[in-house]
Amino acid sequence: MATAAFWQATEDWHTAGEPFRIVHQLPANSLVEQLSVAEQRLHILGTPEHPLNLLRQSLCHEPRGHADMYGGFITPANDSGAHFGVLFWHKDGFSTACGHGTIALGYWAIAHGIVQVEADGSVDVVIDVPSGRVIARASCKNDQVERIDFVNVPSYQVAKQVPATVNLDARNIQLEMDLGFGGAIYACVDVKDLDLEVEPRNHQRFIDLQRQIKKQHAGYKYQDRYDIYGVCFFQHISDSDTTITQKNVVVFTDGQIDRSPCGSGTAARVAVLLAQGKLSGSKTLKHYSIIDTVFEAGINSPAQSPVEFPACRGWVRGTAKLIGRMNFYIDPADTIYPGYVFR
């Protein structure tokens, strides 16, 4: 555990309304040499007083953050094939995937000259994350990034018609959920089965429902590695020959609401729609968030599937904006170190 107070610099971005706090310079000796990004994550999870776990709490929890904060620690890449790695974090720990963070990291890497842009065209920022190697593909015009496509690890449906029983407004409701993998596991719930709309006024209901579902399936493991990370509550809006339009809210970990349409969750939705025969070829998904920001998504390429359902490498398109550069003072002698949350 750190004993001396120190200053910690961060750069804060948001992608479609969801925060992403980037930490480029980590405390000395906080990473184990020769470990991959995935192995670093597991090492930290197995070491409760790990300095990066304490730093996560200091930057994510109050008073410097909040229960819905999100961020990432920049690490070395696994090998020379990527520009860098990242350990994604939230209030409850370290996640395996984060699409909105990958989009923000693409902008960040180009802004800091880690990757050079062409005047017009596209450039790839290659990033190692715990679930694999992903790409932030920047489309540029006049030396400026116009948008970034998050090209994900292979994604696919892993199960269908998984049962859950929830209580909502004194009603017991039987659900059948599809589970999709997009770097993490997402349970997909159609809100018409709940008689709810994806609107901010219902956010606490969605938190309560997600916690019920997570509790019922607390023992679920995919590949002995992935639990049900989030629940994607989706609302179908329209379908044409070219575009499926839906609105969703992803509630992940323990009651954390994604303000964006959720990058890896959107990739999981693409995979589930592919398995259902509703999305293929050049057809796209227009995915709105609970605050009406939007991602576009589609199939980048087919992929080999480890399950009975088809797999693809999806792309998710969005934009990120810089919102601040911070320099936080962290004192381990503070009586509230390393921070607190109320939920």
Protein backbone atom coordinates (compact mmCIF):
# COMPACT_ATOMS: atom_id res chain seq x y z
CA MET A 1 0.00 0.00 0.00
CA ALA A 2 1.24 3.50 -0.79
CA THR A 3 2.29 5.44 2.31
CA ALA A 4 3.19 8.83 0.86
CA ALA A 5 0.74 11.29 -0.65
CA PHE A 6 1.06 11.87 -4.38
CA TRP A 7 -0.45 13.68 -7.35
CA GLN A 8 -2.15 11.62 -10.05
CA ALA A 9 -2.81 13.08 -13.50
CA THR A 10 -5.78 11.91 -15.57
CA GLU A 11 -7.46 12.93 -18.80
CA ASP A 12 -11.24 12.70 -18.84
CA TRP A 13 -13.33 12.02 -21.96
CA HIS A 14 -16.92 11.05 -22.60
CA THR A 15 -18.23 8.81 -25.35
CA ALA A 16 -21.92 9.41 -26.11
CA GLY A 17 -22.35 10.68 -22.54
CA GLU A 18 -20.50 7.86 -20.71
CA PRO A 19 -17.37 8.96 -18.80
CA PHE A 20 -13.91 7.51 -19.38
CA ARG A 21 -11.04 8.60 -17.13
CA ILE A 22 -7.64 7.79 -18.69
CA VAL A 23 -4.55 7.26 -16.53
CA HIS A 24 -1.41 7.21 -18.65
CA GLN A 25 1.35 7.36 -16.02
CA LEU A 26 0.99 4.61 -13.42
CA PRO A 27 2.79 4.45 -10.07
CA ALA A 28 6.22 2.84 -10.27
CA ASN A 29 6.33 -0.98 -10.03
CA SER A 30 2.54 -1.32 -10.12
CA LEU A 31 2.62 -3.78 -13.05
CA VAL A 32 4.28 -7.19 -13.19
CA GLU A 33 6.71 -7.48 -16.09
CA GLN A 34 6.03 -10.11 -18.76
CA LEU A 35 2.34 -10.49 -17.88
CA SER A 36 -0.25 -9.95 -20.61
CA VAL A 37 -3.05 -7.43 -20.09
CA ALA A 38 -5.45 -10.27 -19.25
CA GLU A 39 -2.94 -11.70 -16.76
CA GLN A 40 -2.35 -8.28 -15.18
CA ARG A 41 -6.09 -8.00 -14.56
CA LEU A 42 -6.28 -11.40 -12.89
CA HIS A 43 -3.22 -10.61 -10.77
CA ILE A 44 -4.82 -7.39 -9.51
CA LEU A 45 -8.13 -9.13 -8.81
CA GLY A 46 -6.25 -11.70 -6.74
CA THR A 47 -4.47 -9.00 -4.72
CA PRO A 48 -7.08 -6.88 -2.86
CA GLU A 49 -4.51 -4.34 -1.60
CA HIS A 50 -2.84 -4.08 -5.01
CA PRO A 51 -1.75 -0.46 -5.63
CA LEU A 52 -3.77 -0.29 -8.86
CA ASN A 53 -6.87 -1.53 -7.07
CA LEU A 54 -6.42 1.22 -4.47
CA LEU A 55 -5.79 3.76 -7.23
CA ARG A 56 -8.94 2.57 -9.02
CA GLN A 57 -10.98 3.18 -5.89
CA SER A 58 -9.34 6.57 -5.29
CA LEU A 59 -10.18 7.79 -8.81
CA CYS A 60 -13.52 6.06 -9.27
CA HIS A 61 -15.21 6.38 -5.88
CA GLU A 62 -16.27 9.58 -4.17
CA PRO A 63 -15.09 12.26 -3.58
CA ARG A 64 -13.11 12.17 -6.89
CA GLY A 65 -15.62 10.06 -8.80
CA HIS A 66 -19.05 8.50 -8.35
CA ALA A 67 -20.81 5.16 -8.49
CA ASP A 68 -21.19 5.30 -12.29
CA MET A 69 -17.61 6.39 -13.04
CA TYR A 70 -15.52 4.47 -15.55
CA GLY A 71 -11.88 4.60 -16.62
CA GLY A 72 -8.75 2.81 -17.72
CA PHE A 73 -5.08 2.37 -16.87
CA ILE A 74 -2.73 2.45 -19.87
CA THR A 75 -0.32 -0.50 -19.90
CA PRO A 76 2.29 -1.90 -22.29
CA ALA A 77 0.89 -3.94 -25.16
CA ASN A 78 1.13 -7.72 -25.12
CA ASP A 79 3.53 -7.55 -28.07
CA SER A 80 4.61 -5.28 -30.91
CA GLY A 81 1.35 -5.86 -32.79
CA ALA A 82 -0.55 -3.33 -30.65
CA HIS A 83 0.14 0.29 -29.73
CA PHE A 84 -0.64 -0.17 -26.02
CA GLY A 85 -2.83 -2.07 -23.58
CA VAL A 86 -5.52 -0.96 -21.14
CA LEU A 87 -7.00 -2.20 -17.89
CA PHE A 88 -10.64 -1.08 -17.76
CA TRP A 89 -12.13 -0.26 -14.35
CA HIS A 90 -15.38 0.70 -12.66
CA LYS A 91 -16.65 1.02 -9.09
CA ASP A 92 -16.69 -2.73 -8.48
CA GLY A 93 -13.42 -3.79 -10.10
CA PHE A 94 -11.84 -4.43 -13.49
CA SER A 95 -13.82 -5.43 -16.58
CA THR A 96 -12.82 -7.56 -19.56
CA ALA A 97 -14.12 -5.22 -22.27
CA CYS A 98 -15.23 -1.64 -22.88
CA GLY A 99 -16.29 -0.36 -26.28
CA HIS A 100 -17.01 3.24 -25.30
CA GLY A 101 -13.59 3.35 -23.62
CA THR A 102 -11.92 1.96 -26.76
CA ILE A 103 -13.51 4.75 -28.82
CA ALA A 104 -12.25 7.37 -26.33
CA LEU A 105 -8.79 5.78 -26.35
CA GLY A 106 -8.64 6.08 -30.13
CA TYR A 107 -9.19 9.83 -29.89
CA TRP A 108 -6.75 10.07 -26.98
CA ALA A 109 -3.98 8.17 -28.79
CA ILE A 110 -4.26 10.36 -31.87
CA ALA A 111 -4.46 13.57 -29.81
CA HIS A 112 -1.22 12.61 -28.04
CA GLY A 113 0.64 11.58 -31.21
CA ILE A 114 0.85 7.90 -30.30
CA VAL A 115 -0.67 7.20 -33.72
CA GLN A 116 -0.33 9.63 -36.63
CA VAL A 117 -3.34 10.52 -38.76
CA GLU A 118 -3.44 11.04 -42.49
CA ALA A 119 -5.05 14.21 -43.86
CA ASP A 120 -7.90 12.09 -45.23
CA GLY A 121 -8.62 8.40 -44.82
CA SER A 122 -8.47 6.05 -41.86
CA VAL A 123 -5.92 4.91 -39.31
CA ASP A 124 -6.04 2.04 -36.83
CA VAL A 125 -5.23 2.35 -33.14
CA VAL A 126 -4.59 -1.23 -32.00
CA ILE A 127 -5.21 -1.94 -28.32
CA ASP A 128 -4.77 -5.03 -26.15
CA VAL A 129 -7.61 -5.45 -23.66
CA PRO A 130 -8.36 -8.35 -21.27
CA SER A 131 -10.75 -10.03 -23.74
CA GLY A 132 -8.32 -9.80 -26.67
CA ARG A 133 -7.03 -7.36 -29.29
CA VAL A 134 -9.37 -4.64 -30.53
CA ILE A 135 -9.11 -1.74 -32.96
CA ALA A 136 -10.18 1.89 -32.75
CA ARG A 137 -10.42 2.74 -36.48
CA ALA A 138 -10.39 6.48 -36.95
CA SER A 139 -11.95 8.13 -40.00
CA CYS A 140 -10.10 11.38 -40.64
CA LYS A 141 -10.72 14.47 -42.75
CA ASN A 142 -8.54 17.57 -42.92
CA ASP A 143 -6.26 16.12 -40.20
CA GLN A 144 -9.23 15.77 -37.82
CA VAL A 145 -10.90 12.64 -36.47
CA GLU A 146 -14.53 12.63 -37.54
CA ARG A 147 -15.54 9.34 -35.90
CA ILE A 148 -14.11 6.06 -34.67
CA ASP A 149 -15.23 2.51 -35.33
CA PHE A 150 -14.59 0.14 -32.44
CA VAL A 151 -13.76 -3.19 -34.12
CA ASN A 152 -14.31 -5.83 -31.48
CA VAL A 153 -13.10 -9.32 -30.67
CA PRO A 154 -15.22 -12.11 -32.19
CA SER A 155 -18.75 -11.88 -30.78
CA TYR A 156 -21.59 -14.39 -30.72
CA GLN A 157 -24.71 -15.51 -28.92
CA VAL A 158 -23.90 -18.08 -26.24
CA ALA A 159 -27.38 -19.11 -25.08
CA LYS A 160 -31.04 -18.42 -25.76
CA GLN A 161 -34.27 -18.49 -23.76
CA VAL A 162 -32.43 -18.40 -20.44
CA PRO A 163 -35.15 -18.09 -17.75
CA ALA A 164 -35.35 -15.41 -15.08
CA THR A 165 -38.14 -14.33 -12.74
CA VAL A 166 -38.28 -10.70 -11.67
CA ASN A 167 -40.57 -8.69 -9.45
CA LEU A 168 -41.57 -5.30 -10.81
CA ASP A 169 -44.17 -3.09 -9.15
CA ALA A 170 -45.53 -6.08 -7.20
CA ARG A 171 -45.77 -8.18 -10.38
CA ASN A 172 -43.84 -11.43 -10.87
CA ILE A 173 -42.69 -11.59 -14.48
CA GLN A 174 -41.20 -14.60 -16.26
CA LEU A 175 -38.45 -13.69 -18.73
CA GLU A 176 -36.55 -15.58 -21.41
CA MET A 177 -33.19 -13.95 -22.09
CA ASP A 178 -30.64 -14.31 -24.88
CA LEU A 179 -27.00 -14.19 -23.76
CA GLY A 180 -24.48 -12.55 -26.06
CA PHE A 181 -20.70 -12.28 -25.85
CA GLY A 182 -19.06 -9.04 -26.97
CA GLY A 183 -15.89 -9.25 -24.87
CA ALA A 184 -18.16 -9.69 -21.84
CA ILE A 185 -21.47 -11.50 -21.37
CA TYR A 186 -24.71 -9.53 -21.71
CA ALA A 187 -28.21 -10.81 -20.99
CA CYS A 188 -30.69 -9.27 -23.44
CA VAL A 189 -34.18 -8.44 -22.15
CA ASP A 190 -36.95 -7.02 -24.34
CA VAL A 191 -38.62 -4.25 -22.33
CA LYS A 192 -42.01 -5.05 -23.87
CA ASP A 193 -42.01 -8.10 -21.59
CA LEU A 194 -41.71 -5.69 -18.66
CA ASP A 195 -44.18 -3.10 -19.94
CA LEU A 196 -41.45 -0.46 -19.55
CA GLU A 197 -39.87 2.15 -21.78
CA VAL A 198 -36.16 2.95 -21.91
CA GLU A 199 -36.39 6.41 -20.38
CA PRO A 200 -34.41 8.17 -17.62
CA ARG A 201 -37.44 8.18 -15.32
CA ASN A 202 -37.24 4.36 -15.18
CA HIS A 203 -33.53 4.15 -14.38
CA GLN A 204 -34.01 2.89 -10.81
CA ARG A 205 -36.40 0.18 -12.01
CA PHE A 206 -33.75 -1.03 -14.44
CA ILE A 207 -31.15 -1.09 -11.67
CA ASP A 208 -33.47 -3.13 -9.44
CA LEU A 209 -34.28 -5.57 -12.26
CA GLN A 210 -30.62 -6.02 -13.19
CA ARG A 211 -29.71 -6.82 -9.60
CA GLN A 212 -32.46 -9.43 -9.43
CA ILE A 213 -31.24 -11.08 -12.64
CA LYS A 214 -27.59 -11.00 -11.57
CA LYS A 215 -28.47 -12.56 -8.20
CA GLN A 216 -30.43 -15.40 -9.83
CA HIS A 217 -27.53 -16.17 -12.18
CA ALA A 218 -24.66 -15.41 -9.81
CA GLY A 219 -23.17 -18.86 -10.46
CA TYR A 220 -23.10 -18.51 -14.25
CA LYS A 221 -19.67 -18.78 -15.87
CA TYR A 222 -18.77 -18.86 -19.55
CA GLN A 223 -15.39 -20.44 -20.31
CA ASP A 224 -14.81 -20.45 -16.53
CA ARG A 225 -14.01 -16.76 -16.92
CA TYR A 226 -17.00 -14.59 -17.78
CA ASP A 227 -20.02 -14.05 -15.55
CA ILE A 228 -23.10 -12.10 -16.66
CA TYR A 229 -21.45 -8.69 -16.68
CA GLY A 230 -24.46 -6.64 -17.74
CA VAL A 231 -28.11 -6.73 -18.68
CA CYS A 232 -29.13 -5.00 -21.90
CA PHE A 233 -32.74 -3.84 -21.67
CA PHE A 234 -33.68 -3.13 -25.29
CA GLN A 235 -36.68 -1.53 -26.92
CA HIS A 236 -37.37 -2.27 -30.58
CA ILE A 237 -38.30 0.84 -32.58
CA SER A 238 -38.25 -0.04 -36.27
CA ASP A 239 -36.81 -2.33 -38.94
CA SER A 240 -36.14 -1.60 -42.62
CA ASP A 241 -34.18 -3.31 -45.38
CA THR A 242 -31.05 -1.43 -44.31
CA THR A 243 -31.37 -0.57 -40.61
CA ILE A 244 -32.67 -1.99 -37.35
CA THR A 245 -33.37 0.80 -34.86
CA GLN A 246 -33.46 0.03 -31.16
CA LYS A 247 -33.07 1.87 -27.87
CA ASN A 248 -31.38 0.29 -24.89
CA VAL A 249 -29.95 0.74 -21.45
CA VAL A 250 -27.18 -1.52 -20.22
CA VAL A 251 -26.92 -1.93 -16.46
CA PHE A 252 -23.62 -3.57 -15.58
CA THR A 253 -21.67 -4.84 -12.57
CA ASP A 254 -23.74 -3.87 -9.50
CA GLY A 255 -26.34 -1.38 -10.70
CA GLN A 256 -24.09 0.80 -12.88
CA ILE A 257 -25.97 2.49 -15.74
CA ASP A 258 -24.23 3.06 -19.06
CA ARG A 259 -25.15 6.49 -20.37
CA SER A 260 -23.94 5.54 -23.85
CA PRO A 261 -25.55 2.74 -25.88
CA CYS A 262 -22.66 0.56 -24.54
CA GLY A 263 -19.94 -0.43 -27.00
CA SER A 264 -19.33 -4.07 -26.09
CA GLY A 265 -23.04 -4.45 -25.28
CA THR A 266 -23.91 -3.16 -28.75
CA ALA A 267 -21.45 -5.66 -30.25
CA ALA A 268 -23.23 -8.40 -28.29
CA ARG A 269 -26.59 -7.19 -29.64
CA VAL A 270 -25.21 -7.36 -33.20
CA ALA A 271 -24.19 -10.97 -32.55
CA VAL A 272 -27.60 -11.90 -31.11
CA LEU A 273 -29.41 -10.25 -34.05
CA LEU A 274 -27.11 -12.15 -36.41
CA ALA A 275 -28.01 -15.44 -34.68
CA GLN A 276 -31.71 -14.57 -34.99
CA GLY A 277 -31.33 -13.95 -38.75
CA LYS A 278 -32.36 -10.31 -38.36
CA LEU A 279 -29.03 -8.67 -39.20
CA SER A 280 -26.49 -9.70 -41.84
CA GLY A 281 -24.39 -8.32 -44.67
CA SER A 282 -24.43 -4.52 -44.82
CA LYS A 283 -27.54 -4.09 -42.68
CA THR A 284 -26.81 -1.99 -39.60
CA LEU A 285 -28.06 -1.46 -36.08
CA LYS A 286 -28.87 2.08 -34.97
CA HIS A 287 -28.64 1.89 -31.19
CA TYR A 288 -29.90 4.70 -28.96
CA SER A 289 -29.03 5.10 -25.29
CA ILE A 290 -31.19 6.02 -22.31
CA ILE A 291 -30.14 9.67 -22.85
CA ASP A 292 -30.76 9.44 -26.65
CA THR A 293 -27.13 9.42 -27.75
CA VAL A 294 -26.49 6.94 -30.54
CA PHE A 295 -24.04 4.33 -31.86
CA GLU A 296 -24.21 2.75 -35.29
CA ALA A 297 -23.07 -0.84 -35.57
CA GLY A 298 -22.72 -3.69 -38.00
CA ILE A 299 -20.68 -6.70 -39.06
CA ASN A 300 -17.04 -6.05 -39.93
CA SER A 301 -16.28 -9.67 -40.90
CA PRO A 302 -17.39 -13.23 -40.17
CA ALA A 303 -15.49 -15.06 -37.42
CA GLN A 304 -15.01 -18.64 -36.38
CA SER A 305 -17.54 -19.53 -33.74
CA PRO A 306 -16.79 -21.69 -30.68
CA VAL A 307 -20.51 -22.33 -30.18
CA GLU A 308 -23.55 -23.40 -32.20
CA PHE A 309 -24.41 -19.79 -33.07
CA PRO A 310 -22.63 -17.76 -35.80
CA ALA A 311 -19.87 -15.34 -34.83
CA CYS A 312 -18.67 -12.06 -36.27
CA ARG A 313 -16.28 -9.24 -35.58
CA GLY A 314 -18.63 -6.32 -35.16
CA TRP A 315 -17.96 -2.62 -35.54
CA VAL A 316 -19.50 0.07 -33.36
CA ARG A 317 -19.27 3.70 -34.50
CA GLY A 318 -19.22 6.67 -32.18
CA THR A 319 -17.48 9.88 -31.16
CA ALA A 320 -15.74 10.98 -27.97
CA LYS A 321 -15.04 14.42 -26.55
CA LEU A 322 -12.35 15.67 -24.19
CA ILE A 323 -13.91 17.15 -21.04
CA GLY A 324 -10.95 17.85 -18.77
CA ARG A 325 -7.41 17.26 -17.58
CA MET A 326 -7.22 16.56 -13.86
CA ASN A 327 -4.44 16.42 -11.29
CA PHE A 328 -5.77 14.66 -8.21
CA TYR A 329 -4.06 14.76 -4.83
CA ILE A 330 -4.24 11.36 -3.15
CA ASP A 331 -3.27 11.01 0.49
CA PRO A 332 -3.36 7.51 2.03
CA ALA A 333 -3.48 9.14 5.45
CA ASP A 334 -6.89 10.65 4.66
CA THR A 335 -9.52 9.04 6.87
CA ILE A 336 -11.76 8.29 3.86
CA TYR A 337 -8.96 6.84 1.68
CA PRO A 338 -9.40 5.23 -0.85
CA GLY A 339 -12.97 6.58 -1.19
CA TYR A 340 -16.57 5.47 -0.83
CA VAL A 341 -19.81 4.94 -2.75
CA PHE A 342 -23.42 4.80 -1.61
CA ARG A 343 -24.53 2.04 -3.96
